[in-house]
């Protein structure tokens, strides 16, 4: 006897998108891993012997390598003067920079948790997905719109237990915005109003970049602009 086929009604997930902008309330300090730093870590992990001699520090090179480039990153300079000329040319040619969208999303999730809201971090991770809302943005990096970054000089301690002083040169965006497109499940546990409110909590309690509130600073704070 033939068995009647069962009809299964699969309802599509109701995914919606919304555009908004993160507007900086305090300067944003970024610090991408440069090629030299990544190579040194790889050599150490692979136990590759390297010369103890270090190249002379060129602050502008460190500054340029700390940026998340959306346009092509230029070659580094061999001298201070050459590095500064390379930077000036890149800016004149319309260099564009960004920030990882995963860092922005994590700030929102962490901010909601630290604010004591009745939300679960694991649920929020799957409820929203973000990309930059500009032509220059990539899947992972959202464009920072605003003033050209300036180089800041900071004293830091490195080296674990036997810490030594070092000078770091990093980019700082004084005035900045990041246009974002967010995809979310409109029939999910949290409404769009609730999700958007979480963004402001992320900007206050966590922030993004270096020296943000989550890391004992006040940089990288932001607010939502629809």
Protein backbone atom coordinates (compact mmCIF):
# COMPACT_ATOMS: atom_id res chain seq x y z
CA UNK A 1 0.00 0.00 0.00
CA UNK A 2 1.43 3.34 -1.01
CA UNK A 3 2.29 5.76 1.81
CA UNK A 4 0.94 9.25 1.46
CA UNK A 5 3.71 11.79 1.22
CA UNK A 6 3.90 14.19 4.12
CA UNK A 7 3.90 17.87 3.23
CA UNK A 8 6.29 19.94 5.32
CA UNK A 9 5.82 23.67 5.41
CA UNK A 10 9.22 25.30 5.96
CA UNK A 11 8.81 28.91 6.92
CA UNK A 12 11.67 31.20 5.95
CA UNK A 13 13.44 33.17 8.65
CA UNK A 14 12.30 36.77 8.54
CA UNK A 15 15.60 38.58 8.05
CA UNK A 16 15.50 42.37 7.86
CA UNK A 17 18.20 45.00 7.46
CA UNK A 18 18.63 48.45 8.94
CA UNK A 19 21.21 51.15 8.32
CA UNK A 20 22.64 53.30 11.08
CA UNK A 21 25.82 55.10 12.04
CA UNK A 22 28.08 54.87 15.07
CA UNK A 23 29.18 58.39 15.99
CA UNK A 24 32.25 58.74 18.14
CA UNK A 25 31.90 60.47 21.48
CA UNK A 26 35.60 60.19 22.30
CA UNK A 27 38.67 59.74 20.05
CA UNK A 28 39.20 56.30 18.54
CA UNK A 29 42.62 54.64 18.84
CA UNK A 30 43.23 51.69 16.52
CA UNK A 31 46.03 49.15 16.61
CA UNK A 32 46.10 46.53 13.89
CA UNK A 33 48.82 43.89 13.98
CA UNK A 34 51.56 44.92 11.55
CA UNK A 35 53.44 42.53 9.28
CA UNK A 36 56.62 42.80 11.32
CA UNK A 37 54.88 42.01 14.62
CA UNK A 38 53.05 39.02 13.11
CA UNK A 39 56.27 37.70 11.59
CA UNK A 40 58.08 37.95 14.93
CA UNK A 41 55.28 35.99 16.64
CA UNK A 42 55.36 33.34 13.91
CA UNK A 43 59.15 33.01 14.15
CA UNK A 44 58.89 32.59 17.92
CA UNK A 45 56.20 29.90 17.62
CA UNK A 46 58.19 28.06 14.97
CA UNK A 47 61.36 28.46 17.07
CA UNK A 48 63.14 30.17 14.21
CA UNK A 49 66.40 31.75 15.31
CA UNK A 50 66.56 35.43 14.52
CA UNK A 51 69.21 38.04 14.98
CA UNK A 52 69.10 39.84 18.32
CA UNK A 53 69.76 43.07 16.46
CA UNK A 54 66.66 45.18 15.87
CA UNK A 55 66.16 47.70 13.10
CA UNK A 56 65.98 51.32 14.08
CA UNK A 57 62.45 52.32 15.04
CA UNK A 58 60.69 54.50 12.49
CA UNK A 59 57.59 55.89 14.24
CA UNK A 60 55.68 56.65 11.03
CA UNK A 61 56.08 53.04 9.87
CA UNK A 62 54.65 51.76 13.15
CA UNK A 63 51.80 54.25 12.81
CA UNK A 64 50.95 53.18 9.25
CA UNK A 65 51.11 49.47 10.10
CA UNK A 66 48.68 49.99 12.99
CA UNK A 67 45.90 51.09 10.63
CA UNK A 68 43.27 48.85 9.04
CA UNK A 69 43.75 49.88 5.41
CA UNK A 70 40.83 49.66 3.00
CA UNK A 71 42.87 51.13 0.16
CA UNK A 72 46.22 49.55 -0.65
CA UNK A 73 48.74 49.93 2.14
CA UNK A 74 51.89 51.61 0.79
CA UNK A 75 55.41 50.26 1.29
CA UNK A 76 57.17 51.35 4.46
CA UNK A 77 59.86 54.00 4.44
CA UNK A 78 63.51 53.29 5.11
CA UNK A 79 64.01 56.59 6.90
CA UNK A 80 61.81 58.93 8.94
CA UNK A 81 61.69 61.42 6.09
CA UNK A 82 60.77 58.80 3.48
CA UNK A 83 58.06 57.30 5.69
CA UNK A 84 56.49 60.72 6.25
CA UNK A 85 56.51 61.42 2.51
CA UNK A 86 54.83 58.06 1.85
CA UNK A 87 52.13 58.86 4.39
CA UNK A 88 51.48 62.32 3.01
CA UNK A 89 51.13 60.91 -0.49
CA UNK A 90 48.74 58.16 0.66
CA UNK A 91 46.49 60.76 2.30
CA UNK A 92 46.52 62.96 -0.81
CA UNK A 93 45.63 59.91 -2.92
CA UNK A 94 42.51 59.31 -0.82
CA UNK A 95 43.60 56.59 1.62
CA UNK A 96 40.70 54.97 3.49
CA UNK A 97 40.75 53.14 6.79
CA UNK A 98 38.37 51.02 8.83
CA UNK A 99 37.67 48.99 11.95
CA UNK A 100 36.74 45.28 12.29
CA UNK A 101 32.97 44.74 12.47
CA UNK A 102 33.54 41.84 14.86
CA UNK A 103 35.00 44.29 17.36
CA UNK A 104 31.93 46.51 17.06
CA UNK A 105 29.56 43.58 17.51
CA UNK A 106 31.48 42.31 20.53
CA UNK A 107 31.36 45.78 22.11
CA UNK A 108 27.56 45.76 21.84
CA UNK A 109 27.26 42.27 23.32
CA UNK A 110 29.70 43.01 26.15
CA UNK A 111 28.07 46.38 26.86
CA UNK A 112 24.66 44.76 27.29
CA UNK A 113 26.15 42.20 29.67
CA UNK A 114 28.03 44.77 31.76
CA UNK A 115 24.95 46.97 31.97
CA UNK A 116 23.18 44.10 33.71
CA UNK A 117 20.45 43.77 31.09
CA UNK A 118 18.40 40.59 30.89
CA UNK A 119 20.11 39.29 27.77
CA UNK A 120 22.26 36.28 26.99
CA UNK A 121 25.55 36.90 25.22
CA UNK A 122 25.28 33.61 23.32
CA UNK A 123 21.86 34.59 21.97
CA UNK A 124 23.00 38.03 20.85
CA UNK A 125 25.88 36.58 18.85
CA UNK A 126 23.45 34.88 16.49
CA UNK A 127 20.78 37.57 16.34
CA UNK A 128 22.63 40.28 14.44
CA UNK A 129 25.25 40.47 11.72
CA UNK A 130 26.99 43.64 10.61
CA UNK A 131 28.86 44.98 7.60
CA UNK A 132 30.15 48.41 6.74
CA UNK A 133 27.73 50.57 4.77
CA UNK A 134 30.17 52.23 2.35
CA UNK A 135 31.66 51.19 -0.98
CA UNK A 136 35.15 51.03 0.51
CA UNK A 137 34.10 48.67 3.33
CA UNK A 138 34.84 44.97 3.13
CA UNK A 139 33.07 41.98 4.67
CA UNK A 140 35.19 42.25 7.81
CA UNK A 141 36.24 45.92 7.96
CA UNK A 142 33.80 48.85 8.16
CA UNK A 143 35.05 52.22 6.93
CA UNK A 144 35.83 54.96 9.44
CA UNK A 145 34.47 58.24 8.12
CA UNK A 146 35.85 61.48 9.52
CA UNK A 147 39.14 63.24 10.04
CA UNK A 148 42.48 61.84 8.92
CA UNK A 149 44.11 59.97 11.81
CA UNK A 150 47.00 61.55 13.67
CA UNK A 151 49.93 59.75 15.28
CA UNK A 152 49.97 59.48 19.05
CA UNK A 153 52.92 58.42 21.22
CA UNK A 154 52.23 56.23 24.25
CA UNK A 155 54.47 54.67 26.89
CA UNK A 156 53.62 51.01 27.55
CA UNK A 157 55.00 48.12 29.61
CA UNK A 158 55.78 44.87 27.79
CA UNK A 159 57.48 41.58 28.59
CA UNK A 160 55.37 39.69 31.12
CA UNK A 161 56.82 39.52 34.65
CA UNK A 162 60.02 41.36 33.73
CA UNK A 163 58.24 44.27 32.13
CA UNK A 164 60.21 46.89 30.26
CA UNK A 165 59.13 50.27 28.97
CA UNK A 166 58.44 50.76 25.28
CA UNK A 167 57.06 53.53 23.09
CA UNK A 168 54.14 52.77 20.80
CA UNK A 169 52.99 54.90 17.89
CA UNK A 170 49.33 54.43 17.05
CA UNK A 171 46.66 56.19 14.96
CA UNK A 172 43.96 58.26 16.62
CA UNK A 173 40.76 59.48 14.95
CA UNK A 174 39.63 62.63 16.73
CA UNK A 175 36.23 62.92 14.99
CA UNK A 176 34.82 59.72 13.53
CA UNK A 177 31.74 57.86 12.35
CA UNK A 178 31.21 54.30 11.12
CA UNK A 179 28.19 53.65 8.83
CA UNK A 180 26.81 50.15 9.44
CA UNK A 181 24.21 47.85 7.88
CA UNK A 182 22.81 45.31 10.34
CA UNK A 183 20.93 42.15 9.43
CA UNK A 184 18.65 40.77 12.16
CA UNK A 185 15.84 38.31 12.77
CA UNK A 186 12.73 40.48 13.08
CA UNK A 187 10.68 37.68 14.69
CA UNK A 188 13.38 36.86 17.23
CA UNK A 189 13.39 37.24 21.00
CA UNK A 190 14.53 40.87 20.85
CA UNK A 191 12.76 43.61 18.91
CA UNK A 192 14.64 46.01 16.66
CA UNK A 193 14.12 48.75 19.26
CA UNK A 194 15.79 46.59 21.89
CA UNK A 195 18.69 45.70 19.60
CA UNK A 196 19.29 49.34 18.72
CA UNK A 197 19.21 50.32 22.39
CA UNK A 198 21.93 47.75 23.04
CA UNK A 199 24.22 49.65 20.69
CA UNK A 200 24.26 52.67 22.99
CA UNK A 201 25.05 50.41 25.94
CA UNK A 202 27.98 49.03 23.97
CA UNK A 203 29.24 52.53 23.25
CA UNK A 204 29.06 53.54 26.92
CA UNK A 205 30.14 50.43 28.82
CA UNK A 206 32.65 48.92 26.40
CA UNK A 207 33.67 51.08 23.44
CA UNK A 208 36.05 50.00 20.66
CA UNK A 209 39.76 50.27 19.99
CA UNK A 210 42.58 50.85 22.44
CA UNK A 211 42.09 52.45 25.86
CA UNK A 212 38.34 51.98 25.70
CA UNK A 213 36.21 51.93 28.89
CA UNK A 214 36.47 48.13 29.06
CA UNK A 215 40.28 48.55 29.20
CA UNK A 216 40.51 51.27 31.85
CA UNK A 217 40.28 54.17 29.40
CA UNK A 218 37.72 56.52 27.90
CA UNK A 219 38.56 56.28 24.20
CA UNK A 220 36.40 54.72 21.49
CA UNK A 221 33.04 55.55 23.07
CA UNK A 222 30.14 55.96 20.64
CA UNK A 223 26.42 56.51 20.24
CA UNK A 224 23.80 55.39 17.75
CA UNK A 225 22.64 57.73 14.99
CA UNK A 226 19.77 56.48 12.79
